[in-house]
């Protein structure tokens, strides 16, 4: 399962930064574009959604924390997914710790 975590995480990070740099999008635009591209994963309500949302929203939280308010629905979804034990099953320690850090950081910056 860790391979899935790191593959998806890398795909999201790569798309986010490629969109940001190559298309000269803002942080918010790049995050929104990725949300569209990874819509299937986000809407599934499973571990993949937790991964995608945690990666994207932690990037927004890091670079433009004030913009997290624009993603209130996604932050709410992230919080809900973070509480689902099924979303954490099968993750070994390195993946779990990284995911927990992204989740914690995002929710802290969002004031949630």
N, C-alpha and C. Protein backbone atom coordinates (compact mmCIF):
# COMPACT_ATOMS: atom_id res chain seq x y z
N UNK A 1 0.82 -1.19 0.00
CA UNK A 1 0.00 0.00 0.00
C UNK A 1 0.86 1.25 0.00
N UNK A 2 2.05 1.19 0.58
CA UNK A 2 2.91 2.36 0.60
C UNK A 2 3.30 2.80 -0.80
N UNK A 3 3.48 1.83 -1.69
CA UNK A 3 3.82 2.18 -3.07
C UNK A 3 2.71 3.02 -3.68
N UNK A 4 1.48 2.66 -3.41
CA UNK A 4 0.34 3.43 -3.91
C UNK A 4 0.37 4.84 -3.33
N UNK A 5 0.62 4.94 -2.04
CA UNK A 5 0.69 6.25 -1.40
C UNK A 5 1.74 7.13 -2.07
N UNK A 6 2.96 6.62 -2.17
CA UNK A 6 4.03 7.44 -2.71
C UNK A 6 3.86 7.72 -4.20
N UNK A 7 3.33 6.78 -4.96
CA UNK A 7 3.06 7.03 -6.37
C UNK A 7 2.03 8.14 -6.55
N UNK A 8 0.95 8.06 -5.80
CA UNK A 8 -0.10 9.08 -5.92
C UNK A 8 0.40 10.41 -5.40
N UNK A 9 1.09 10.40 -4.28
CA UNK A 9 1.65 11.64 -3.73
C UNK A 9 2.56 12.31 -4.75
N UNK A 10 3.45 11.54 -5.35
CA UNK A 10 4.38 12.10 -6.34
C UNK A 10 3.64 12.64 -7.56
N UNK A 11 2.62 11.94 -8.01
CA UNK A 11 1.84 12.39 -9.16
C UNK A 11 1.17 13.73 -8.87
N UNK A 12 0.61 13.87 -7.68
CA UNK A 12 -0.06 15.12 -7.31
C UNK A 12 0.95 16.26 -7.18
N UNK A 13 2.05 16.01 -6.48
CA UNK A 13 3.07 17.04 -6.30
C UNK A 13 3.64 17.46 -7.65
N UNK A 14 3.93 16.49 -8.50
CA UNK A 14 4.48 16.80 -9.82
C UNK A 14 3.51 17.66 -10.63
N UNK A 15 2.26 17.27 -10.67
CA UNK A 15 1.29 18.06 -11.43
C UNK A 15 1.14 19.46 -10.85
N UNK A 16 1.10 19.55 -9.53
CA UNK A 16 0.94 20.85 -8.88
C UNK A 16 2.07 21.79 -9.29
N UNK A 17 3.31 21.34 -9.16
CA UNK A 17 4.44 22.22 -9.46
C UNK A 17 4.61 22.45 -10.96
N UNK A 18 4.31 21.46 -11.77
CA UNK A 18 4.37 21.68 -13.23
C UNK A 18 3.35 22.73 -13.64
N UNK A 19 2.16 22.64 -13.12
CA UNK A 19 1.12 23.61 -13.42
C UNK A 19 1.52 24.99 -12.93
N UNK A 20 2.06 25.04 -11.75
CA UNK A 20 2.50 26.29 -11.16
C UNK A 20 3.59 26.95 -12.00
N UNK A 21 4.59 26.19 -12.37
CA UNK A 21 5.74 26.74 -13.07
C UNK A 21 5.56 26.88 -14.57
N UNK A 22 5.10 25.82 -15.21
CA UNK A 22 5.00 25.85 -16.67
C UNK A 22 3.85 26.70 -17.17
N UNK A 23 2.74 26.65 -16.47
CA UNK A 23 1.57 27.41 -16.92
C UNK A 23 1.44 28.74 -16.18
N UNK A 24 2.38 28.96 -15.25
CA UNK A 24 2.41 30.20 -14.48
C UNK A 24 1.11 30.48 -13.73
N UNK A 25 0.56 29.43 -13.18
CA UNK A 25 -0.65 29.54 -12.36
C UNK A 25 -0.26 30.03 -10.98
N UNK A 26 -1.22 30.59 -10.29
CA UNK A 26 -1.02 30.92 -8.88
C UNK A 26 -1.14 29.63 -8.07
N UNK A 27 -0.82 29.71 -6.79
CA UNK A 27 -0.95 28.54 -5.91
C UNK A 27 -2.39 28.02 -5.94
N UNK A 28 -3.33 28.92 -5.79
CA UNK A 28 -4.74 28.53 -5.78
C UNK A 28 -5.19 27.93 -7.10
N UNK A 29 -4.74 28.53 -8.21
CA UNK A 29 -5.11 28.00 -9.52
C UNK A 29 -4.53 26.61 -9.74
N UNK A 30 -3.29 26.41 -9.32
CA UNK A 30 -2.66 25.10 -9.48
C UNK A 30 -3.37 24.05 -8.63
N UNK A 31 -3.72 24.42 -7.40
CA UNK A 31 -4.44 23.48 -6.54
C UNK A 31 -5.81 23.15 -7.13
N UNK A 32 -6.50 24.15 -7.61
CA UNK A 32 -7.82 23.92 -8.21
C UNK A 32 -7.73 23.04 -9.45
N UNK A 33 -6.72 23.27 -10.26
CA UNK A 33 -6.52 22.45 -11.45
C UNK A 33 -6.28 20.99 -11.06
N UNK A 34 -5.47 20.78 -10.04
CA UNK A 34 -5.20 19.41 -9.57
C UNK A 34 -6.46 18.77 -8.99
N UNK A 35 -7.28 19.55 -8.33
CA UNK A 35 -8.53 19.00 -7.80
C UNK A 35 -9.42 18.51 -8.93
N UNK A 36 -9.39 19.20 -10.05
CA UNK A 36 -10.16 18.76 -11.22
C UNK A 36 -9.54 17.49 -11.79
N UNK A 37 -8.25 17.48 -11.94
CA UNK A 37 -7.55 16.33 -12.54
C UNK A 37 -7.64 15.07 -11.67
N UNK A 38 -7.68 15.26 -10.37
CA UNK A 38 -7.74 14.12 -9.45
C UNK A 38 -9.14 14.01 -8.80
N UNK A 39 -10.13 14.49 -9.51
CA UNK A 39 -11.51 14.50 -9.03
C UNK A 39 -11.99 13.10 -8.63
N UNK A 40 -11.69 12.11 -9.45
CA UNK A 40 -12.13 10.74 -9.18
C UNK A 40 -11.61 10.26 -7.82
N UNK A 41 -10.35 10.50 -7.56
CA UNK A 41 -9.75 10.08 -6.29
C UNK A 41 -10.36 10.84 -5.11
N UNK A 42 -10.56 12.14 -5.29
CA UNK A 42 -11.09 12.97 -4.21
C UNK A 42 -12.53 12.59 -3.89
N UNK A 43 -13.33 12.34 -4.90
CA UNK A 43 -14.74 12.06 -4.69
C UNK A 43 -15.01 10.63 -4.24
N UNK A 44 -14.02 9.78 -4.28
CA UNK A 44 -14.22 8.39 -3.90
C UNK A 44 -14.42 8.16 -2.42
N UNK A 45 -14.02 9.12 -1.59
CA UNK A 45 -14.20 8.99 -0.15
C UNK A 45 -13.33 7.92 0.48
N UNK A 46 -12.21 7.63 -0.17
CA UNK A 46 -11.32 6.58 0.32
C UNK A 46 -9.93 7.14 0.57
N UNK A 47 -8.98 6.23 0.79
CA UNK A 47 -7.61 6.61 1.07
C UNK A 47 -7.02 7.52 -0.01
N UNK A 48 -7.35 7.27 -1.26
CA UNK A 48 -6.82 8.09 -2.35
C UNK A 48 -7.26 9.55 -2.20
N UNK A 49 -8.48 9.76 -1.78
CA UNK A 49 -8.97 11.12 -1.55
C UNK A 49 -8.22 11.81 -0.43
N UNK A 50 -7.95 11.07 0.63
CA UNK A 50 -7.18 11.60 1.75
C UNK A 50 -5.79 12.01 1.28
N UNK A 51 -5.18 11.18 0.47
CA UNK A 51 -3.83 11.48 -0.03
C UNK A 51 -3.85 12.73 -0.89
N UNK A 52 -4.72 12.77 -1.88
CA UNK A 52 -4.77 13.92 -2.80
C UNK A 52 -5.06 15.21 -2.04
N UNK A 53 -6.09 15.20 -1.22
CA UNK A 53 -6.44 16.42 -0.48
C UNK A 53 -5.33 16.85 0.47
N UNK A 54 -4.70 15.90 1.15
CA UNK A 54 -3.65 16.27 2.10
C UNK A 54 -2.45 16.89 1.39
N UNK A 55 -2.10 16.35 0.24
CA UNK A 55 -0.97 16.90 -0.51
C UNK A 55 -1.29 18.29 -1.04
N UNK A 56 -2.42 18.43 -1.70
CA UNK A 56 -2.77 19.73 -2.29
C UNK A 56 -2.99 20.81 -1.24
N UNK A 57 -3.78 20.48 -0.25
CA UNK A 57 -4.10 21.50 0.75
C UNK A 57 -2.89 21.85 1.61
N UNK A 58 -1.99 20.92 1.81
CA UNK A 58 -0.78 21.26 2.56
C UNK A 58 0.12 22.19 1.75
N UNK A 59 0.08 22.10 0.42
CA UNK A 59 0.83 23.04 -0.41
C UNK A 59 0.21 24.44 -0.29
N UNK A 60 -1.10 24.51 -0.34
CA UNK A 60 -1.78 25.80 -0.16
C UNK A 60 -1.47 26.35 1.23
N UNK A 61 -1.54 25.50 2.24
CA UNK A 61 -1.28 25.92 3.62
C UNK A 61 0.15 26.44 3.78
N UNK A 62 1.07 25.84 3.07
CA UNK A 62 2.47 26.25 3.19
C UNK A 62 2.73 27.60 2.51
N UNK A 63 2.19 27.78 1.32
CA UNK A 63 2.53 28.96 0.52
C UNK A 63 1.53 30.10 0.61
N UNK A 64 0.26 29.79 0.79
CA UNK A 64 -0.77 30.83 0.87
C UNK A 64 -1.85 30.41 1.87
N UNK A 65 -1.50 30.34 3.15
CA UNK A 65 -2.45 29.82 4.14
C UNK A 65 -3.77 30.59 4.17
N UNK A 66 -3.75 31.86 3.85
CA UNK A 66 -4.98 32.63 3.84
C UNK A 66 -5.96 32.14 2.78
N UNK A 67 -5.47 31.45 1.76
CA UNK A 67 -6.33 30.92 0.69
C UNK A 67 -7.05 29.64 1.10
N UNK A 68 -6.71 29.05 2.22
CA UNK A 68 -7.40 27.84 2.66
C UNK A 68 -8.89 28.08 2.85
N UNK A 69 -9.26 29.30 3.16
CA UNK A 69 -10.68 29.63 3.31
C UNK A 69 -11.44 29.38 2.00
N UNK A 70 -10.75 29.51 0.87
CA UNK A 70 -11.37 29.24 -0.44
C UNK A 70 -11.64 27.76 -0.64
N UNK A 71 -11.03 26.93 0.17
CA UNK A 71 -11.15 25.48 0.06
C UNK A 71 -11.83 24.89 1.30
N UNK A 72 -12.78 25.62 1.85
CA UNK A 72 -13.45 25.17 3.08
C UNK A 72 -14.10 23.80 2.90
N UNK A 73 -14.74 23.57 1.78
CA UNK A 73 -15.39 22.27 1.54
C UNK A 73 -14.36 21.15 1.48
N UNK A 74 -13.23 21.43 0.85
CA UNK A 74 -12.18 20.42 0.74
C UNK A 74 -11.50 20.17 2.08
N UNK A 75 -11.34 21.22 2.89
CA UNK A 75 -10.76 21.05 4.23
C UNK A 75 -11.70 20.21 5.09
N UNK A 76 -13.00 20.45 4.96
CA UNK A 76 -13.99 19.66 5.69
C UNK A 76 -13.93 18.20 5.26
N UNK A 77 -13.81 17.97 3.95
CA UNK A 77 -13.69 16.60 3.43
C UNK A 77 -12.41 15.95 3.92
N UNK A 78 -11.32 16.70 3.94
CA UNK A 78 -10.05 16.18 4.43
C UNK A 78 -10.16 15.77 5.89
N UNK A 79 -10.76 16.61 6.70
CA UNK A 79 -10.95 16.30 8.12
C UNK A 79 -11.75 15.01 8.28
N UNK A 80 -12.83 14.88 7.51
CA UNK A 80 -13.69 13.69 7.60
C UNK A 80 -12.93 12.44 7.16
N UNK A 81 -12.18 12.53 6.08
CA UNK A 81 -11.40 11.38 5.61
C UNK A 81 -10.33 11.00 6.63
N UNK A 82 -9.73 12.00 7.26
CA UNK A 82 -8.71 11.74 8.26
C UNK A 82 -9.23 10.98 9.47
N UNK A 83 -10.53 11.04 9.69
CA UNK A 83 -11.15 10.34 10.82
C UNK A 83 -11.59 8.93 10.46
N UNK A 84 -11.55 8.58 9.19
CA UNK A 84 -11.98 7.25 8.76
C UNK A 84 -10.82 6.26 8.91
N UNK A 85 -11.01 5.26 9.74
CA UNK A 85 -9.93 4.29 9.96
C UNK A 85 -9.58 3.55 8.67
N UNK A 86 -10.53 3.37 7.79
CA UNK A 86 -10.26 2.68 6.52
C UNK A 86 -9.26 3.44 5.66
N UNK A 87 -9.20 4.74 5.81
CA UNK A 87 -8.27 5.54 5.01
C UNK A 87 -6.82 5.37 5.46
N UNK A 88 -6.62 4.81 6.61
CA UNK A 88 -5.27 4.63 7.16
C UNK A 88 -4.77 3.19 7.05
N UNK A 89 -5.66 2.27 6.72
CA UNK A 89 -5.30 0.85 6.66
C UNK A 89 -4.25 0.59 5.59
N UNK A 90 -3.30 -0.25 5.95
CA UNK A 90 -2.31 -0.70 4.98
C UNK A 90 -1.12 0.22 4.82
N UNK A 91 -1.11 1.34 5.50
CA UNK A 91 0.01 2.27 5.38
C UNK A 91 1.09 1.91 6.39
N UNK A 92 2.29 1.75 5.91
CA UNK A 92 3.42 1.52 6.81
C UNK A 92 3.83 2.86 7.42
N UNK A 93 4.68 2.79 8.37
CA UNK A 93 5.07 3.96 9.17
C UNK A 93 5.51 5.18 8.34
N UNK A 94 6.42 5.06 7.38
CA UNK A 94 6.85 6.27 6.65
C UNK A 94 5.71 6.98 5.93
N UNK A 95 4.87 6.23 5.27
CA UNK A 95 3.74 6.83 4.55
C UNK A 95 2.75 7.42 5.54
N UNK A 96 2.46 6.69 6.57
CA UNK A 96 1.51 7.16 7.59
C UNK A 96 1.99 8.45 8.24
N UNK A 97 3.25 8.50 8.61
CA UNK A 97 3.80 9.70 9.25
C UNK A 97 3.74 10.91 8.33
N UNK A 98 4.06 10.70 7.07
CA UNK A 98 4.03 11.80 6.10
C UNK A 98 2.60 12.30 5.90
N UNK A 99 1.68 11.39 5.78
CA UNK A 99 0.27 11.73 5.61
C UNK A 99 -0.26 12.44 6.86
N UNK A 100 0.09 11.94 8.03
CA UNK A 100 -0.33 12.59 9.28
C UNK A 100 0.21 14.02 9.38
N UNK A 101 1.45 14.21 8.96
CA UNK A 101 2.05 15.55 9.01
C UNK A 101 1.33 16.51 8.06
N UNK A 102 1.04 16.07 6.85
CA UNK A 102 0.31 16.93 5.91
C UNK A 102 -1.07 17.27 6.45
N UNK A 103 -1.74 16.29 7.01
CA UNK A 103 -3.07 16.49 7.57
C UNK A 103 -3.01 17.47 8.75
N UNK A 104 -2.12 17.21 9.68
CA UNK A 104 -1.99 18.08 10.86
C UNK A 104 -1.67 19.51 10.47
N UNK A 105 -0.70 19.68 9.57
CA UNK A 105 -0.27 21.01 9.14
C UNK A 105 -1.41 21.76 8.48
N UNK A 106 -2.12 21.09 7.60
CA UNK A 106 -3.23 21.73 6.89
C UNK A 106 -4.32 22.15 7.85
N UNK A 107 -4.74 21.24 8.72
CA UNK A 107 -5.82 21.57 9.65
C UNK A 107 -5.41 22.66 10.64
N UNK A 108 -4.15 22.65 11.03
CA UNK A 108 -3.65 23.70 11.91
C UNK A 108 -3.72 25.06 11.23
N UNK A 109 -3.25 25.12 10.00
CA UNK A 109 -3.25 26.38 9.25
C UNK A 109 -4.67 26.83 8.91
N UNK A 110 -5.57 25.88 8.75
CA UNK A 110 -6.96 26.22 8.44
C UNK A 110 -7.74 26.62 9.69
N UNK A 111 -7.12 26.44 10.85
CA UNK A 111 -7.78 26.76 12.09
C UNK A 111 -8.87 25.77 12.44
N UNK A 112 -8.71 24.56 11.90
CA UNK A 112 -9.75 23.53 12.12
C UNK A 112 -9.39 22.62 13.26
